[in-house]
Amino acid sequence: MASELLKKIVSERYPVGKKLPSIRQLAKIYHVSNNTVVKALQYLETQDIINNFRTNSYVVIKDSSQIQKNVITKEIINFLENMKNLGFEKEEILLLVSEYTKQCSH
């Protein structure tokens, strides 16, 4: 649920300053309980992506480009940690990434 909302925020369906649909509306859209929606919204709030105002409305507060940069950084860190845990050295990782990007550009 949180990842689906995040995708819509990153794609600017919900741009900075825009109020998100209500908890009930989101529950209906995603076919989940209100509690599931609240947990997803609370998670996004802890990530400083949205803010909850006293009226129980949530507003996007982080720019999509900032979110994309944060997501990419986390993914790269996870990838590098996994490769290191598998026993790959820095040079091997760089070589594999370089080879892969060459293949993708054809």
PDB file of N, CA and C in Angstrom:
ATOM      1  N   MET A   1       0.832  -1.193   0.000  1.00  0.00           N
ATOM      2  CA  MET A   1       0.000   0.000   0.000  1.00  0.00           C
ATOM      3  C   MET A   1       0.872   1.250   0.000  1.00  0.00           C
ATOM      4  N   ALA A   2       1.865   1.300   0.900  1.00  0.00           N
ATOM      5  CA  ALA A   2       2.754   2.465   0.954  1.00  0.00           C
ATOM      6  C   ALA A   2       3.536   2.601  -0.347  1.00  0.00           C
ATOM      7  N   SER A   3       3.977   1.467  -0.903  1.00  0.00           N
ATOM      8  CA  SER A   3       4.746   1.533  -2.149  1.00  0.00           C
ATOM      9  C   SER A   3       3.880   2.011  -3.310  1.00  0.00           C
ATOM     10  N   GLU A   4       2.612   1.643  -3.314  1.00  0.00           N
ATOM     11  CA  GLU A   4       1.704   2.118  -4.362  1.00  0.00           C
ATOM     12  C   GLU A   4       1.498   3.633  -4.263  1.00  0.00           C
ATOM     13  N   LEU A   5       1.307   4.117  -3.061  1.00  0.00           N
ATOM     14  CA  LEU A   5       1.174   5.566  -2.871  1.00  0.00           C
ATOM     15  C   LEU A   5       2.463   6.275  -3.262  1.00  0.00           C
ATOM     16  N   LEU A   6       3.585   5.682  -2.887  1.00  0.00           N
ATOM     17  CA  LEU A   6       4.879   6.281  -3.217  1.00  0.00           C
ATOM     18  C   LEU A   6       5.051   6.394  -4.729  1.00  0.00           C
ATOM     19  N   LYS A   7       4.641   5.364  -5.466  1.00  0.00           N
ATOM     20  CA  LYS A   7       4.718   5.411  -6.934  1.00  0.00           C
ATOM     21  C   LYS A   7       3.904   6.580  -7.482  1.00  0.00           C
ATOM     22  N   LYS A   8       2.730   6.787  -6.927  1.00  0.00           N
ATOM     23  CA  LYS A   8       1.881   7.885  -7.404  1.00  0.00           C
ATOM     24  C   LYS A   8       2.463   9.246  -7.029  1.00  0.00           C
ATOM     25  N   ILE A   9       3.144   9.309  -5.908  1.00  0.00           N
ATOM     26  CA  ILE A   9       3.790  10.565  -5.508  1.00  0.00           C
ATOM     27  C   ILE A   9       4.980  10.835  -6.416  1.00  0.00           C
ATOM     28  N   VAL A  10       5.784   9.800  -6.674  1.00  0.00           N
ATOM     29  CA  VAL A  10       6.953   9.957  -7.543  1.00  0.00           C
ATOM     30  C   VAL A  10       6.533  10.320  -8.959  1.00  0.00           C
ATOM     31  N   SER A  11       5.436   9.743  -9.443  1.00  0.00           N
ATOM     32  CA  SER A  11       4.961  10.051 -10.799  1.00  0.00           C
ATOM     33  C   SER A  11       4.206  11.375 -10.849  1.00  0.00           C
ATOM     34  N   GLU A  12       4.134  12.040  -9.708  1.00  0.00           N
ATOM     35  CA  GLU A  12       3.500  13.349  -9.542  1.00  0.00           C
ATOM     36  C   GLU A  12       1.992  13.320  -9.763  1.00  0.00           C
ATOM     37  N   ARG A  13       1.393  12.141  -9.614  1.00  0.00           N
ATOM     38  CA  ARG A  13      -0.074  12.109  -9.582  1.00  0.00           C
ATOM     39  C   ARG A  13      -0.547  12.839  -8.331  1.00  0.00           C
ATOM     40  N   TYR A  14       0.273  12.748  -7.274  1.00  0.00           N
ATOM     41  CA  TYR A  14       0.055  13.521  -6.055  1.00  0.00           C
ATOM     42  C   TYR A  14       1.282  14.410  -5.865  1.00  0.00           C
ATOM     43  N   PRO A  15       1.303  15.595  -6.462  1.00  0.00           N
ATOM     44  CA  PRO A  15       2.475  16.471  -6.370  1.00  0.00           C
ATOM     45  C   PRO A  15       2.598  17.139  -4.999  1.00  0.00           C
ATOM     46  N   VAL A  16       3.744  17.773  -4.794  1.00  0.00           N
ATOM     47  CA  VAL A  16       4.005  18.497  -3.548  1.00  0.00           C
ATOM     48  C   VAL A  16       2.885  19.500  -3.307  1.00  0.00           C
ATOM     49  N   GLY A  17       2.400  19.521  -2.075  1.00  0.00           N
ATOM     50  CA  GLY A  17       1.345  20.447  -1.695  1.00  0.00           C
ATOM     51  C   GLY A  17      -0.053  19.919  -1.917  1.00  0.00           C
ATOM     52  N   LYS A  18      -0.164  18.808  -2.641  1.00  0.00           N
ATOM     53  CA  LYS A  18      -1.499  18.261  -2.912  1.00  0.00           C
ATOM     54  C   LYS A  18      -1.953  17.371  -1.763  1.00  0.00           C
ATOM     55  N   LYS A  19      -3.205  17.530  -1.422  1.00  0.00           N
ATOM     56  CA  LYS A  19      -3.823  16.722  -0.375  1.00  0.00           C
ATOM     57  C   LYS A  19      -4.141  15.337  -0.939  1.00  0.00           C
ATOM     58  N   LEU A  20      -3.794  14.308  -0.186  1.00  0.00           N
ATOM     59  CA  LEU A  20      -4.116  12.943  -0.593  1.00  0.00           C
ATOM     60  C   LEU A  20      -5.598  12.663  -0.341  1.00  0.00           C
ATOM     61  N   PRO A  21      -6.141  11.659  -1.038  1.00  0.00           N
ATOM     62  CA  PRO A  21      -7.520  11.273  -0.736  1.00  0.00           C
ATOM     63  C   PRO A  21      -7.644  10.865   0.735  1.00  0.00           C
ATOM     64  N   SER A  22      -8.853  10.873   1.241  1.00  0.00           N
ATOM     65  CA  SER A  22      -9.086  10.514   2.645  1.00  0.00           C
ATOM     66  C   SER A  22      -8.738   9.048   2.891  1.00  0.00           C
ATOM     67  N   ILE A  23      -8.620   8.699   4.153  1.00  0.00           N
ATOM     68  CA  ILE A  23      -8.327   7.315   4.528  1.00  0.00           C
ATOM     69  C   ILE A  23      -9.391   6.379   3.960  1.00  0.00           C
ATOM     70  N   ARG A  24     -10.645   6.755   4.089  1.00  0.00           N
ATOM     71  CA  ARG A  24     -11.737   5.921   3.558  1.00  0.00           C
ATOM     72  C   ARG A  24     -11.647   5.770   2.042  1.00  0.00           C
ATOM     73  N   GLN A  25     -11.355   6.885   1.367  1.00  0.00           N
ATOM     74  CA  GLN A  25     -11.241   6.829  -0.096  1.00  0.00           C
ATOM     75  C   GLN A  25     -10.086   5.917  -0.511  1.00  0.00           C
ATOM     76  N   LEU A  26      -8.945   6.054   0.162  1.00  0.00           N
ATOM     77  CA  LEU A  26      -7.791   5.212  -0.169  1.00  0.00           C
ATOM     78  C   LEU A  26      -8.096   3.739   0.106  1.00  0.00           C
ATOM     79  N   ALA A  27      -8.781   3.463   1.201  1.00  0.00           N
ATOM     80  CA  ALA A  27      -9.154   2.077   1.522  1.00  0.00           C
ATOM     81  C   ALA A  27     -10.035   1.493   0.420  1.00  0.00           C
ATOM     82  N   LYS A  28     -10.935   2.301  -0.086  1.00  0.00           N
ATOM     83  CA  LYS A  28     -11.830   1.847  -1.155  1.00  0.00           C
ATOM     84  C   LYS A  28     -11.051   1.645  -2.456  1.00  0.00           C
ATOM     85  N   ILE A  29     -10.178   2.588  -2.786  1.00  0.00           N
ATOM     86  CA  ILE A  29      -9.376   2.504  -4.016  1.00  0.00           C
ATOM     87  C   ILE A  29      -8.512   1.246  -4.025  1.00  0.00           C
ATOM     88  N   TYR A  30      -7.851   0.964  -2.901  1.00  0.00           N
ATOM     89  CA  TYR A  30      -6.894  -0.145  -2.827  1.00  0.00           C
ATOM     90  C   TYR A  30      -7.493  -1.438  -2.267  1.00  0.00           C
ATOM     91  N   HIS A  31      -8.784  -1.406  -1.945  1.00  0.00           N
ATOM     92  CA  HIS A  31      -9.471  -2.592  -1.424  1.00  0.00           C
ATOM     93  C   HIS A  31      -8.772  -3.154  -0.187  1.00  0.00           C
ATOM     94  N   VAL A  32      -8.480  -2.254   0.747  1.00  0.00           N
ATOM     95  CA  VAL A  32      -7.843  -2.632   2.012  1.00  0.00           C
ATOM     96  C   VAL A  32      -8.612  -1.985   3.159  1.00  0.00           C
ATOM     97  N   SER A  33      -8.258  -2.365   4.369  1.00  0.00           N
ATOM     98  CA  SER A  33      -8.924  -1.786   5.541  1.00  0.00           C
ATOM     99  C   SER A  33      -8.396  -0.381   5.825  1.00  0.00           C
ATOM    100  N   ASN A  34      -9.172   0.375   6.566  1.00  0.00           N
ATOM    101  CA  ASN A  34      -8.727   1.708   6.990  1.00  0.00           C
ATOM    102  C   ASN A  34      -7.430   1.612   7.780  1.00  0.00           C
ATOM    103  N   ASN A  35      -7.302   0.563   8.596  1.00  0.00           N
ATOM    104  CA  ASN A  35      -6.103   0.369   9.407  1.00  0.00           C
ATOM    105  C   ASN A  35      -4.860   0.200   8.534  1.00  0.00           C
ATOM    106  N   THR A  36      -4.992  -0.535   7.441  1.00  0.00           N
ATOM    107  CA  THR A  36      -3.875  -0.714   6.504  1.00  0.00           C
ATOM    108  C   THR A  36      -3.476   0.621   5.896  1.00  0.00           C
ATOM    109  N   VAL A  37      -4.447   1.420   5.531  1.00  0.00           N
ATOM    110  CA  VAL A  37      -4.179   2.749   4.969  1.00  0.00           C
ATOM    111  C   VAL A  37      -3.454   3.613   5.993  1.00  0.00           C
ATOM    112  N   VAL A  38      -3.932   3.611   7.221  1.00  0.00           N
ATOM    113  CA  VAL A  38      -3.311   4.423   8.276  1.00  0.00           C
ATOM    114  C   VAL A  38      -1.853   4.017   8.465  1.00  0.00           C
ATOM    115  N   LYS A  39      -1.579   2.718   8.479  1.00  0.00           N
ATOM    116  CA  LYS A  39      -0.193   2.248   8.644  1.00  0.00           C
ATOM    117  C   LYS A  39       0.684   2.715   7.481  1.00  0.00           C
ATOM    118  N   ALA A  40       0.161   2.642   6.264  1.00  0.00           N
ATOM    119  CA  ALA A  40       0.919   3.088   5.093  1.00  0.00           C
ATOM    120  C   ALA A  40       1.191   4.586   5.165  1.00  0.00           C
ATOM    121  N   LEU A  41       0.187   5.347   5.542  1.00  0.00           N
ATOM    122  CA  LEU A  41       0.353   6.798   5.656  1.00  0.00           C
ATOM    123  C   LEU A  41       1.341   7.153   6.767  1.00  0.00           C
ATOM    124  N   GLN A  42       1.275   6.436   7.869  1.00  0.00           N
ATOM    125  CA  GLN A  42       2.216   6.686   8.962  1.00  0.00           C
ATOM    126  C   GLN A  42       3.643   6.381   8.531  1.00  0.00           C
ATOM    127  N   TYR A  43       3.817   5.309   7.752  1.00  0.00           N
ATOM    128  CA  TYR A  43       5.149   4.984   7.243  1.00  0.00           C
ATOM    129  C   TYR A  43       5.671   6.107   6.349  1.00  0.00           C
ATOM    130  N   LEU A  44       4.844   6.569   5.417  1.00  0.00           N
ATOM    131  CA  LEU A  44       5.264   7.656   4.528  1.00  0.00           C
ATOM    132  C   LEU A  44       5.542   8.934   5.312  1.00  0.00           C
ATOM    133  N   GLU A  45       4.830   9.121   6.393  1.00  0.00           N
ATOM    134  CA  GLU A  45       5.063  10.292   7.241  1.00  0.00           C
ATOM    135  C   GLU A  45       6.412  10.178   7.949  1.00  0.00           C
ATOM    136  N   THR A  46       6.776   8.976   8.402  1.00  0.00           N
ATOM    137  CA  THR A  46       8.082   8.798   9.058  1.00  0.00           C
ATOM    138  C   THR A  46       9.228   9.004   8.077  1.00  0.00           C
ATOM    139  N   GLN A  47       8.948   8.837   6.790  1.00  0.00           N
ATOM    140  CA  GLN A  47       9.957   9.050   5.753  1.00  0.00           C
ATOM    141  C   GLN A  47       9.986  10.502   5.273  1.00  0.00           C
ATOM    142  N   ASP A  48       9.194  11.357   5.930  1.00  0.00           N
ATOM    143  CA  ASP A  48       9.092  12.780   5.574  1.00  0.00           C
ATOM    144  C   ASP A  48       8.647  13.000   4.133  1.00  0.00           C
ATOM    145  N   ILE A  49       7.759  12.146   3.667  1.00  0.00           N
ATOM    146  CA  ILE A  49       7.214  12.269   2.318  1.00  0.00           C
ATOM    147  C   ILE A  49       5.868  12.981   2.358  1.00  0.00           C
ATOM    148  N   ILE A  50       5.097  12.688   3.389  1.00  0.00           N
ATOM    149  CA  ILE A  50       3.809  13.348   3.586  1.00  0.00           C
ATOM    150  C   ILE A  50       3.749  13.903   4.998  1.00  0.00           C
ATOM    151  N   ASN A  51       2.785  14.783   5.222  1.00  0.00           N
ATOM    152  CA  ASN A  51       2.595  15.353   6.553  1.00  0.00           C
ATOM    153  C   ASN A  51       1.120  15.249   6.913  1.00  0.00           C
ATOM    154  N   ASN A  52       0.856  14.930   8.169  1.00  0.00           N
ATOM    155  CA  ASN A  52      -0.510  14.810   8.663  1.00  0.00           C
ATOM    156  C   ASN A  52      -0.882  16.100   9.376  1.00  0.00           C
ATOM    157  N   PHE A  53      -1.988  16.668   8.958  1.00  0.00           N
ATOM    158  CA  PHE A  53      -2.474  17.869   9.611  1.00  0.00           C
ATOM    159  C   PHE A  53      -3.610  17.497  10.552  1.00  0.00           C
ATOM    160  N   ARG A  54      -3.952  18.396  11.441  1.00  0.00           N
ATOM    161  CA  ARG A  54      -4.952  18.127  12.483  1.00  0.00           C
ATOM    162  C   ARG A  54      -6.284  17.629  11.950  1.00  0.00           C
ATOM    163  N   THR A  55      -6.588  17.935  10.739  1.00  0.00           N
ATOM    164  CA  THR A  55      -7.883  17.540  10.165  1.00  0.00           C
ATOM    165  C   THR A  55      -7.863  16.113   9.627  1.00  0.00           C
ATOM    166  N   ASN A  56      -6.830  15.369   9.967  1.00  0.00           N
ATOM    167  CA  ASN A  56      -6.643  14.008   9.455  1.00  0.00           C
ATOM    168  C   ASN A  56      -6.459  13.970   7.947  1.00  0.00           C
ATOM    169  N   SER A  57      -5.998  15.050   7.380  1.00  0.00           N
ATOM    170  CA  SER A  57      -5.673  15.044   5.958  1.00  0.00           C
ATOM    171  C   SER A  57      -4.155  14.996   5.820  1.00  0.00           C
ATOM    172  N   TYR A  58      -3.719  14.303   4.785  1.00  0.00           N
ATOM    173  CA  TYR A  58      -2.291  14.149   4.525  1.00  0.00           C
ATOM    174  C   TYR A  58      -1.936  14.913   3.258  1.00  0.00           C
ATOM    175  N   VAL A  59      -0.791  15.579   3.296  1.00  0.00           N
ATOM    176  CA  VAL A  59      -0.329  16.378   2.165  1.00  0.00           C
ATOM    177  C   VAL A  59       1.092  15.957   1.819  1.00  0.00           C
ATOM    178  N   VAL A  60       1.378  15.867   0.512  1.00  0.00           N
ATOM    179  CA  VAL A  60       2.726  15.539   0.049  1.00  0.00           C
ATOM    180  C   VAL A  60       3.641  16.718   0.352  1.00  0.00           C
ATOM    181  N   ILE A  61       4.766  16.451   1.008  1.00  0.00           N
ATOM    182  CA  ILE A  61       5.689  17.532   1.366  1.00  0.00           C
ATOM    183  C   ILE A  61       7.073  17.369   0.755  1.00  0.00           C
ATOM    184  N   LYS A  62       7.340  16.237   0.104  1.00  0.00           N
ATOM    185  CA  LYS A  62       8.665  16.030  -0.481  1.00  0.00           C
ATOM    186  C   LYS A  62       8.541  15.954  -1.992  1.00  0.00           C
ATOM    187  N   ASP A  63       9.428  16.642  -2.681  1.00  0.00           N
ATOM    188  CA  ASP A  63       9.464  16.682  -4.135  1.00  0.00           C
ATOM    189  C   ASP A  63       9.781  15.297  -4.698  1.00  0.00           C
ATOM    190  N   SER A  64       9.162  14.961  -5.827  1.00  0.00           N
ATOM    191  CA  SER A  64       9.351  13.634  -6.417  1.00  0.00           C
ATOM    192  C   SER A  64      10.806  13.358  -6.770  1.00  0.00           C
ATOM    193  N   SER A  65      11.552  14.369  -7.202  1.00  0.00           N
ATOM    194  CA  SER A  65      12.963  14.140  -7.543  1.00  0.00           C
ATOM    195  C   SER A  65      13.777  13.791  -6.303  1.00  0.00           C
ATOM    196  N   GLN A  66      13.444  14.378  -5.164  1.00  0.00           N
ATOM    197  CA  GLN A  66      14.121  14.029  -3.912  1.00  0.00           C
ATOM    198  C   GLN A  66      13.800  12.590  -3.520  1.00  0.00           C
ATOM    199  N   ILE A  67      12.551  12.201  -3.696  1.00  0.00           N
ATOM    200  CA  ILE A  67      12.141  10.840  -3.361  1.00  0.00           C
ATOM    201  C   ILE A  67      12.877   9.850  -4.253  1.00  0.00           C
ATOM    202  N   GLN A  68      12.921  10.140  -5.560  1.00  0.00           N
ATOM    203  CA  GLN A  68      13.617   9.257  -6.494  1.00  0.00           C
ATOM    204  C   GLN A  68      15.079   9.099  -6.102  1.00  0.00           C
ATOM    205  N   LYS A  69      15.722  10.200  -5.760  1.00  0.00           N
ATOM    206  CA  LYS A  69      17.132  10.146  -5.370  1.00  0.00           C
ATOM    207  C   LYS A  69      17.310   9.290  -4.119  1.00  0.00           C
ATOM    208  N   ASN A  70      16.431   9.450  -3.141  1.00  0.00           N
ATOM    209  CA  ASN A  70      16.514   8.651  -1.915  1.00  0.00           C
ATOM    210  C   ASN A  70      16.299   7.169  -2.194  1.00  0.00           C
ATOM    211  N   VAL A  71      15.316   6.853  -3.041  1.00  0.00           N
ATOM    212  CA  VAL A  71      15.028   5.459  -3.375  1.00  0.00           C
ATOM    213  C   VAL A  71      16.212   4.835  -4.097  1.00  0.00           C
ATOM    214  N   ILE A  72      16.759   5.551  -5.065  1.00  0.00           N
ATOM    215  CA  ILE A  72      17.900   5.040  -5.824  1.00  0.00           C
ATOM    216  C   ILE A  72      19.097   4.823  -4.909  1.00  0.00           C
ATOM    217  N   THR A  73      19.358   5.770  -4.030  1.00  0.00           N
ATOM    218  CA  THR A  73      20.479   5.641  -3.099  1.00  0.00           C
ATOM    219  C   THR A  73      20.316   4.411  -2.220  1.00  0.00           C
ATOM    220  N   LYS A  74      19.124   4.201  -1.684  1.00  0.00           N
ATOM    221  CA  LYS A  74      18.871   3.021  -0.842  1.00  0.00           C
ATOM    222  C   LYS A  74      19.059   1.731  -1.631  1.00  0.00           C
ATOM    223  N   GLU A  75      18.577   1.708  -2.875  1.00  0.00           N
ATOM    224  CA  GLU A  75      18.714   0.510  -3.709  1.00  0.00           C
ATOM    225  C   GLU A  75      20.180   0.212  -4.001  1.00  0.00           C
ATOM    226  N   ILE A  76      20.950   1.246  -4.292  1.00  0.00           N
ATOM    227  CA  ILE A  76      22.372   1.055  -4.570  1.00  0.00           C
ATOM    228  C   ILE A  76      23.090   0.530  -3.332  1.00  0.00           C
ATOM    229  N   ILE A  77      22.797   1.101  -2.179  1.00  0.00           N
ATOM    230  CA  ILE A  77      23.415   0.645  -0.931  1.00  0.00           C
ATOM    231  C   ILE A  77      23.062  -0.819  -0.674  1.00  0.00           C
ATOM    232  N   ASN A  78      21.792  -1.177  -0.840  1.00  0.00           N
ATOM    233  CA  ASN A  78      21.374  -2.575  -0.652  1.00  0.00           C
ATOM    234  C   ASN A  78      22.099  -3.504  -1.616  1.00  0.00           C
ATOM    235  N   PHE A  79      22.184  -3.088  -2.880  1.00  0.00           N
ATOM    236  CA  PHE A  79      22.867  -3.891  -3.887  1.00  0.00           C
ATOM    237  C   PHE A  79      24.328  -4.108  -3.512  1.00  0.00           C
ATOM    238  N   LEU A  80      25.019  -3.024  -3.155  1.00  0.00           N
ATOM    239  CA  LEU A  80      26.437  -3.132  -2.815  1.00  0.00           C
ATOM    240  C   LEU A  80      26.661  -3.980  -1.571  1.00  0.00           C
ATOM    241  N   GLU A  81      25.800  -3.841  -0.580  1.00  0.00           N
ATOM    242  CA  GLU A  81      25.919  -4.664   0.629  1.00  0.00           C
ATOM    243  C   GLU A  81      25.691  -6.141   0.311  1.00  0.00           C
ATOM    244  N   ASN A  82      24.702  -6.424  -0.534  1.00  0.00           N
ATOM    245  CA  ASN A  82      24.448  -7.812  -0.932  1.00  0.00           C
ATOM    246  C   ASN A  82      25.626  -8.399  -1.694  1.00  0.00           C
ATOM    247  N   MET A  83      26.176  -7.634  -2.609  1.00  0.00           N
ATOM    248  CA  MET A  83      27.328  -8.107  -3.377  1.00  0.00           C
ATOM    249  C   MET A  83      28.524  -8.357  -2.458  1.00  0.00           C
ATOM    250  N   LYS A  84      28.740  -7.467  -1.519  1.00  0.00           N
ATOM    251  CA  LYS A  84      29.841  -7.633  -0.559  1.00  0.00           C
ATOM    252  C   LYS A  84      29.619  -8.889   0.282  1.00  0.00           C
ATOM    253  N   ASN A  85      28.381  -9.107   0.724  1.00  0.00           N
ATOM    254  CA  ASN A  85      28.056 -10.303   1.510  1.00  0.00           C
ATOM    255  C   ASN A  85      28.238 -11.589   0.711  1.00  0.00           C
ATOM    256  N   LEU A  86      28.107 -11.495  -0.606  1.00  0.00           N
ATOM    257  CA  LEU A  86      28.322 -12.654  -1.472  1.00  0.00           C
ATOM    258  C   LEU A  86      29.800 -12.875  -1.777  1.00  0.00           C
ATOM    259  N   GLY A  87      30.650 -11.977  -1.292  1.00  0.00           N
ATOM    260  CA  GLY A  87      32.092 -12.150  -1.452  1.00  0.00           C
ATOM    261  C   GLY A  87      32.712 -11.408  -2.622  1.00  0.00           C
ATOM    262  N   PHE A  88      31.952 -10.552  -3.283  1.00  0.00           N
ATOM    263  CA  PHE A  88      32.497  -9.797  -4.409  1.00  0.00           C
ATOM    264  C   PHE A  88      33.339  -8.631  -3.909  1.00  0.00           C
ATOM    265  N   GLU A  89      34.430  -8.386  -4.599  1.00  0.00           N
ATOM    266  CA  GLU A  89      35.286  -7.237  -4.304  1.00  0.00           C
ATOM    267  C   GLU A  89      34.792  -6.036  -5.108  1.00  0.00           C
ATOM    268  N   LYS A  90      35.229  -4.855  -4.691  1.00  0.00           N
ATOM    269  CA  LYS A  90      34.799  -3.609  -5.330  1.00  0.00           C
ATOM    270  C   LYS A  90      35.052  -3.634  -6.837  1.00  0.00           C
ATOM    271  N   GLU A  91      36.241  -4.090  -7.233  1.00  0.00           N
ATOM    272  CA  GLU A  91      36.608  -4.104  -8.645  1.00  0.00           C
ATOM    273  C   GLU A  91      35.702  -5.043  -9.443  1.00  0.00           C
ATOM    274  N   GLU A  92      35.358  -6.198  -8.849  1.00  0.00           N
ATOM    275  CA  GLU A  92      34.472  -7.148  -9.524  1.00  0.00           C
ATOM    276  C   GLU A  92      33.080  -6.548  -9.729  1.00  0.00           C
ATOM    277  N   ILE A  93      32.604  -5.866  -8.710  1.00  0.00           N
ATOM    278  CA  ILE A  93      31.277  -5.241  -8.794  1.00  0.00           C
ATOM    279  C   ILE A  93      31.267  -4.191  -9.897  1.00  0.00           C
ATOM    280  N   LEU A  94      32.292  -3.346  -9.922  1.00  0.00           N
ATOM    281  CA  LEU A  94      32.372  -2.304 -10.950  1.00  0.00           C
ATOM    282  C   LEU A  94      32.431  -2.907 -12.348  1.00  0.00           C
ATOM    283  N   LEU A  95      33.187  -3.990 -12.505  1.00  0.00           N
ATOM    284  CA  LEU A  95      33.295  -4.655 -13.798  1.00  0.00           C
ATOM    285  C   LEU A  95      31.942  -5.225 -14.227  1.00  0.00           C
ATOM    286  N   LEU A  96      31.247  -5.884 -13.303  1.00  0.00           N
ATOM    287  CA  LEU A  96      29.934  -6.451 -13.620  1.00  0.00           C
ATOM    288  C   LEU A  96      28.927  -5.366 -14.008  1.00  0.00           C
ATOM    289  N   VAL A  97      28.931  -4.274 -13.274  1.00  0.00           N
ATOM    290  CA  VAL A  97      28.015  -3.167 -13.576  1.00  0.00           C
ATOM    291  C   VAL A  97      28.357  -2.567 -14.938  1.00  0.00           C
ATOM    292  N   SER A  98      29.640  -2.390 -15.200  1.00  0.00           N
ATOM    293  CA  SER A  98      30.077  -1.836 -16.479  1.00  0.00           C
ATOM    294  C   SER A  98      29.651  -2.737 -17.637  1.00  0.00           C
ATOM    295  N   GLU A  99      29.859  -4.041 -17.484  1.00  0.00           N
ATOM    296  CA  GLU A  99      29.463  -4.986 -18.531  1.00  0.00           C
ATOM    297  C   GLU A  99      27.952  -4.965 -18.755  1.00  0.00           C
ATOM    298  N   TYR A 100      27.212  -4.904 -17.679  1.00  0.00           N
ATOM    299  CA  TYR A 100      25.749  -4.890 -17.791  1.00  0.00           C
ATOM    300  C   TYR A 100      25.261  -3.633 -18.502  1.00  0.00           C
ATOM    301  N   THR A 101      25.824  -2.483 -18.154  1.00  0.00           N
ATOM    302  CA  THR A 101      25.373  -1.239 -18.792  1.00  0.00           C
ATOM    303  C   THR A 101      25.728  -1.221 -20.273  1.00  0.00           C
ATOM    304  N   LYS A 102      26.845  -1.848 -20.641  1.00  0.00           N
ATOM    305  CA  LYS A 102      27.198  -1.947 -22.061  1.00  0.00           C
ATOM    306  C   LYS A 102      26.175  -2.805 -22.804  1.00  0.00           C
ATOM    307  N   GLN A 103      25.753  -3.909 -22.180  1.00  0.00           N
ATOM    308  CA  GLN A 103      24.764  -4.793 -22.802  1.00  0.00           C
ATOM    309  C   GLN A 103      23.422  -4.085 -22.973  1.00  0.00           C
ATOM    310  N   CYS A 104      23.063  -3.283 -21.999  1.00  0.00           N
ATOM    311  CA  CYS A 104      21.764  -2.592 -22.033  1.00  0.00           C
ATOM    312  C   CYS A 104      21.728  -1.475 -23.065  1.00  0.00           C
ATOM    313  N   SER A 105      22.879  -0.955 -23.433  1.00  0.00           N
ATOM    314  CA  SER A 105      22.902   0.172 -24.370  1.00  0.00           C
ATOM    315  C   SER A 105      22.803  -0.279 -25.820  1.00  0.00           C
ATOM    316  N   HIS A 106      22.816  -1.577 -26.067  1.00  0.00           N
ATOM    317  CA  HIS A 106      22.721  -2.083 -27.449  1.00  0.00           C
ATOM    318  C   HIS A 106      21.308  -2.303 -27.851  1.00  0.00           C
TER     319      HIS A 106
END
